[in-house]
Amino acid sequence: MINHYITLIKDLACAVLFFAWVYFITIVLSKKLFILLKKNRSEHSSAYLIRKFIHIFAGGIFFLFPFVFEEIIIPSLFCISLGFFFYWRHLKENRYSWFQEEEKKSEVIFCFSSGIIIFLAWQITNSMWFGIIPVLFMALGDGVTGIVRGLRYGKQKKYWEGSVAMFIVSALIGGMQFGIGGVVAAFAATIVEKSNLIDDNITIPFISFIILLVFWLYFPFLIKPF
């Protein structure tokens, strides 16, 4: 019992450090970068690039989760708490204008989706990686596709160059951890992102998560790392 509480305290300390990093990226650094971008770009284009910057440099911390957290409750609550924090800014109509959109709550949905998926992954497979990889498809893969499209065209549009970039990044991430199964999940995530039928903060991680589960259940020999 004592060891359990010690583990929770360690996990909580890691979560506090991660929160500090996310706060620095989203509130401090991204605002300064937004001001610089606005000198040569429209406010809308600058905000779009900032959201993708946050995707990569704040969302990228998920890669560290399996190495630093020993149990699932704290990292899941960390994600959910971030979601409520950003949602609270919407409710107060005091949004961080350099990345939060009035008509969308993408960052809120991403936080909630991430917390739910890594929790489910742990409960079903006893491994956080089955949730982390789909979340990284969204954080890094979708982040890169947005940077490519934003820099090339200066607007939010589903051009193919971004999809190619997303697949390359996601396939590398998925393949290194789950081999062929990871690459298939990466391809599905790329197709889903391109379709844009439902908020991709939901579809990308959940669909790729389901695909990885299918491989884990029925084709475990295809999820060996490259």
Protein backbone atom coordinates (compact mmCIF):
# COMPACT_ATOMS: atom_id res chain seq x y z
CA MET A 1 0.00 0.00 0.00
CA ILE A 2 2.82 2.41 0.88
CA ASN A 3 4.56 1.65 -2.42
CA HIS A 4 1.31 2.41 -4.23
CA TYR A 5 1.10 5.87 -2.65
CA ILE A 6 4.76 6.53 -3.39
CA THR A 7 4.12 5.65 -7.03
CA LEU A 8 1.14 8.00 -7.17
CA ILE A 9 3.21 10.82 -5.66
CA LYS A 10 5.97 10.25 -8.23
CA ASP A 11 3.41 10.21 -11.03
CA LEU A 12 1.81 13.36 -9.69
CA ALA A 13 5.18 15.12 -9.57
CA CYS A 14 5.78 14.16 -13.23
CA ALA A 15 2.32 15.44 -14.15
CA VAL A 16 3.08 18.80 -12.51
CA LEU A 17 6.28 19.10 -14.55
CA PHE A 18 4.40 18.19 -17.74
CA PHE A 19 1.73 20.76 -16.94
CA ALA A 20 4.41 23.41 -16.49
CA TRP A 21 5.86 22.48 -19.91
CA VAL A 22 2.45 22.57 -21.61
CA TYR A 23 1.68 25.91 -19.96
CA PHE A 24 5.00 27.34 -21.16
CA ILE A 25 4.41 26.15 -24.74
CA THR A 26 0.75 27.14 -25.05
CA ILE A 27 0.61 30.32 -23.00
CA VAL A 28 4.10 31.82 -23.11
CA LEU A 29 6.14 30.66 -26.10
CA SER A 30 3.31 30.25 -28.61
CA LYS A 31 2.02 33.76 -27.90
CA LYS A 32 5.44 35.25 -28.63
CA LEU A 33 5.70 33.18 -31.81
CA PHE A 34 2.21 34.29 -32.84
CA ILE A 35 3.25 37.93 -32.57
CA LEU A 36 6.26 37.26 -34.80
CA LEU A 37 4.21 35.35 -37.39
CA LYS A 38 1.61 38.11 -37.63
CA LYS A 39 4.22 40.46 -39.05
CA ASN A 40 4.23 38.52 -42.33
CA ARG A 41 0.97 36.53 -42.21
CA SER A 42 -2.70 37.04 -41.55
CA GLU A 43 -3.95 36.53 -38.02
CA HIS A 44 -5.94 33.45 -39.09
CA SER A 45 -2.94 31.85 -40.80
CA SER A 46 -0.70 32.64 -37.83
CA ALA A 47 -3.16 31.13 -35.35
CA TYR A 48 -3.42 27.98 -37.51
CA LEU A 49 0.35 27.52 -37.51
CA ILE A 50 0.48 28.13 -33.77
CA ARG A 51 -2.09 25.39 -33.16
CA LYS A 52 0.12 22.97 -35.10
CA PHE A 53 3.18 24.19 -33.22
CA ILE A 54 1.36 23.37 -29.98
CA HIS A 55 0.36 19.98 -31.40
CA ILE A 56 4.00 19.05 -31.86
CA PHE A 57 5.75 20.62 -28.90
CA ALA A 58 3.05 20.20 -26.25
CA GLY A 59 1.42 17.03 -27.60
CA GLY A 60 4.81 15.46 -28.24
CA ILE A 61 5.28 14.90 -24.51
CA PHE A 62 2.98 11.87 -24.78
CA PHE A 63 6.00 9.96 -26.06
CA LEU A 64 7.48 10.22 -22.56
CA PHE A 65 4.40 8.95 -20.72
CA PRO A 66 5.22 5.20 -20.80
CA PHE A 67 8.72 5.92 -19.51
CA VAL A 68 7.83 8.15 -16.56
CA PHE A 69 4.35 7.11 -15.39
CA GLU A 70 3.99 3.82 -13.54
CA GLU A 71 0.19 3.80 -13.28
CA ILE A 72 -2.54 5.11 -15.55
CA ILE A 73 -4.73 7.21 -13.27
CA ILE A 74 -2.48 10.29 -13.03
CA PRO A 75 -1.66 10.66 -16.77
CA SER A 76 -5.34 10.15 -17.65
CA LEU A 77 -6.44 12.75 -15.13
CA PHE A 78 -3.67 15.05 -16.37
CA CYS A 79 -5.17 15.01 -19.88
CA ILE A 80 -8.74 15.42 -18.65
CA SER A 81 -7.72 18.28 -16.35
CA LEU A 82 -6.04 20.10 -19.23
CA GLY A 83 -9.23 19.67 -21.24
CA PHE A 84 -11.31 21.25 -18.49
CA PHE A 85 -8.77 24.04 -18.11
CA PHE A 86 -9.02 25.00 -21.79
CA TYR A 87 -12.80 24.53 -21.77
CA TRP A 88 -13.05 26.90 -18.81
CA ARG A 89 -11.39 29.59 -20.92
CA HIS A 90 -14.12 29.11 -23.53
CA LEU A 91 -16.87 29.33 -20.92
CA LYS A 92 -15.44 32.58 -19.56
CA GLU A 93 -15.16 33.88 -23.13
CA ASN A 94 -11.59 34.72 -22.24
CA ARG A 95 -9.90 32.57 -24.86
CA TYR A 96 -6.23 32.48 -25.68
CA SER A 97 -6.77 34.21 -29.00
CA TRP A 98 -3.51 33.07 -30.54
CA PHE A 99 -4.72 29.47 -30.76
CA GLN A 100 -8.24 29.00 -29.35
CA GLU A 101 -11.13 29.36 -31.81
CA GLU A 102 -14.58 30.59 -30.80
CA GLU A 103 -16.43 28.16 -33.07
CA LYS A 104 -14.23 25.14 -32.27
CA LYS A 105 -12.86 23.53 -29.15
CA SER A 106 -10.25 21.34 -30.80
CA GLU A 107 -7.71 21.55 -28.00
CA VAL A 108 -10.39 20.55 -25.49
CA ILE A 109 -11.45 17.54 -27.55
CA PHE A 110 -7.83 16.48 -28.04
CA CYS A 111 -7.17 16.50 -24.29
CA PHE A 112 -10.32 14.51 -23.49
CA SER A 113 -9.71 12.02 -26.32
CA SER A 114 -6.13 11.48 -25.21
CA GLY A 115 -7.04 10.87 -21.59
CA ILE A 116 -9.76 8.39 -22.52
CA ILE A 117 -7.67 6.48 -25.07
CA ILE A 118 -4.59 5.96 -22.91
CA PHE A 119 -6.87 4.84 -20.05
CA LEU A 120 -8.67 2.34 -22.29
CA ALA A 121 -5.39 1.10 -23.73
CA TRP A 122 -4.02 0.40 -20.26
CA GLN A 123 -7.18 -1.36 -19.10
CA ILE A 124 -7.50 -3.53 -22.22
CA THR A 125 -3.90 -4.35 -23.10
CA ASN A 126 -2.02 -3.45 -19.92
CA SER A 127 0.20 -1.26 -22.10
CA MET A 128 -0.01 2.49 -22.47
CA TRP A 129 1.63 2.32 -25.91
CA PHE A 130 -1.58 1.20 -27.61
CA GLY A 131 -3.04 4.57 -26.63
CA ILE A 132 0.10 6.67 -26.92
CA ILE A 133 0.80 5.86 -30.57
CA PRO A 134 -2.69 6.92 -31.79
CA VAL A 135 -2.38 10.12 -29.76
CA LEU A 136 1.03 10.80 -31.33
CA PHE A 137 -0.52 10.36 -34.77
CA MET A 138 -2.70 13.32 -33.86
CA ALA A 139 -0.06 15.34 -32.03
CA LEU A 140 2.91 14.87 -34.37
CA GLY A 141 1.39 13.54 -37.58
CA ASP A 142 -1.44 16.06 -37.79
CA GLY A 143 0.88 18.74 -36.46
CA VAL A 144 3.33 18.22 -39.30
CA THR A 145 0.61 18.15 -41.95
CA GLY A 146 -0.66 21.48 -40.69
CA ILE A 147 2.81 23.04 -40.73
CA VAL A 148 3.39 21.86 -44.32
CA ARG A 149 0.03 23.15 -45.55
CA GLY A 150 0.25 26.36 -43.56
CA LEU A 151 3.72 27.31 -44.78
CA ARG A 152 3.04 26.32 -48.39
CA TYR A 153 -0.45 27.74 -48.85
CA GLY A 154 -0.94 30.03 -45.86
CA LYS A 155 -4.38 28.63 -45.10
CA GLN A 156 -6.22 25.69 -43.59
CA LYS A 157 -6.89 23.37 -46.51
CA LYS A 158 -6.58 19.59 -46.96
CA TYR A 159 -3.87 19.60 -49.63
CA TRP A 160 -2.18 16.30 -50.48
CA GLU A 161 1.32 17.43 -49.53
CA GLY A 162 0.22 17.63 -45.93
CA SER A 163 -1.28 14.14 -46.08
CA VAL A 164 1.97 12.70 -47.43
CA ALA A 165 3.92 14.40 -44.63
CA MET A 166 1.46 13.09 -42.04
CA PHE A 167 1.71 9.53 -43.31
CA ILE A 168 5.52 9.57 -43.33
CA VAL A 169 5.73 10.86 -39.76
CA SER A 170 2.93 8.62 -38.48
CA ALA A 171 4.27 5.52 -40.25
CA LEU A 172 7.66 6.05 -38.63
CA ILE A 173 6.05 6.43 -35.22
CA GLY A 174 3.69 3.49 -35.65
CA GLY A 175 6.20 1.22 -37.36
CA MET A 176 8.91 1.66 -34.75
CA GLN A 177 6.51 0.55 -32.00
CA PHE A 178 4.03 -1.77 -33.74
CA GLY A 179 5.59 -2.77 -37.06
CA ILE A 180 3.18 -3.46 -39.92
CA GLY A 181 0.17 -2.95 -37.66
CA GLY A 182 1.46 0.50 -36.75
CA VAL A 183 1.94 1.45 -40.39
CA VAL A 184 -1.60 0.30 -41.24
CA ALA A 185 -2.95 2.36 -38.35
CA ALA A 186 -0.90 5.34 -39.58
CA PHE A 187 -2.35 5.00 -43.07
CA ALA A 188 -5.89 4.86 -41.66
CA ALA A 189 -5.19 7.95 -39.53
CA THR A 190 -4.00 9.82 -42.63
CA ILE A 191 -7.12 8.88 -44.62
CA VAL A 192 -9.36 9.91 -41.74
CA GLU A 193 -7.59 13.27 -41.41
CA LYS A 194 -8.05 13.94 -45.12
CA SER A 195 -11.78 13.09 -45.05
CA ASN A 196 -12.59 15.65 -42.34
CA LEU A 197 -16.08 14.17 -41.71
CA ILE A 198 -15.87 14.43 -37.92
CA ASP A 199 -13.45 16.36 -35.73
CA ASP A 200 -10.13 14.62 -36.35
CA ASN A 201 -9.18 15.03 -32.70
CA ILE A 202 -11.70 12.23 -32.19
CA THR A 203 -11.45 10.16 -35.36
CA ILE A 204 -7.66 9.98 -35.78
CA PRO A 205 -6.77 8.61 -32.33
CA PHE A 206 -9.87 6.44 -31.85
CA ILE A 207 -9.85 4.76 -35.27
CA SER A 208 -6.10 4.09 -35.18
CA PHE A 209 -6.52 2.80 -31.60
CA ILE A 210 -9.22 0.36 -32.74
CA ILE A 211 -7.02 -0.84 -35.62
CA LEU A 212 -4.13 -1.49 -33.26
CA LEU A 213 -6.45 -3.43 -30.97
CA VAL A 214 -7.57 -5.58 -33.89
CA PHE A 215 -3.95 -6.40 -34.71
CA TRP A 216 -3.23 -7.09 -31.02
CA LEU A 217 -6.17 -9.49 -30.76
CA TYR A 218 -6.02 -11.29 -34.11
CA PHE A 219 -2.62 -10.61 -35.72
CA PRO A 220 -0.13 -10.17 -32.85
CA PHE A 221 2.73 -11.34 -35.09
CA LEU A 222 2.21 -8.18 -37.19
CA ILE A 223 2.75 -5.68 -34.35
CA LYS A 224 6.39 -6.42 -33.70
CA PRO A 225 8.56 -3.28 -33.96
CA PHE A 226 10.62 -2.83 -37.10
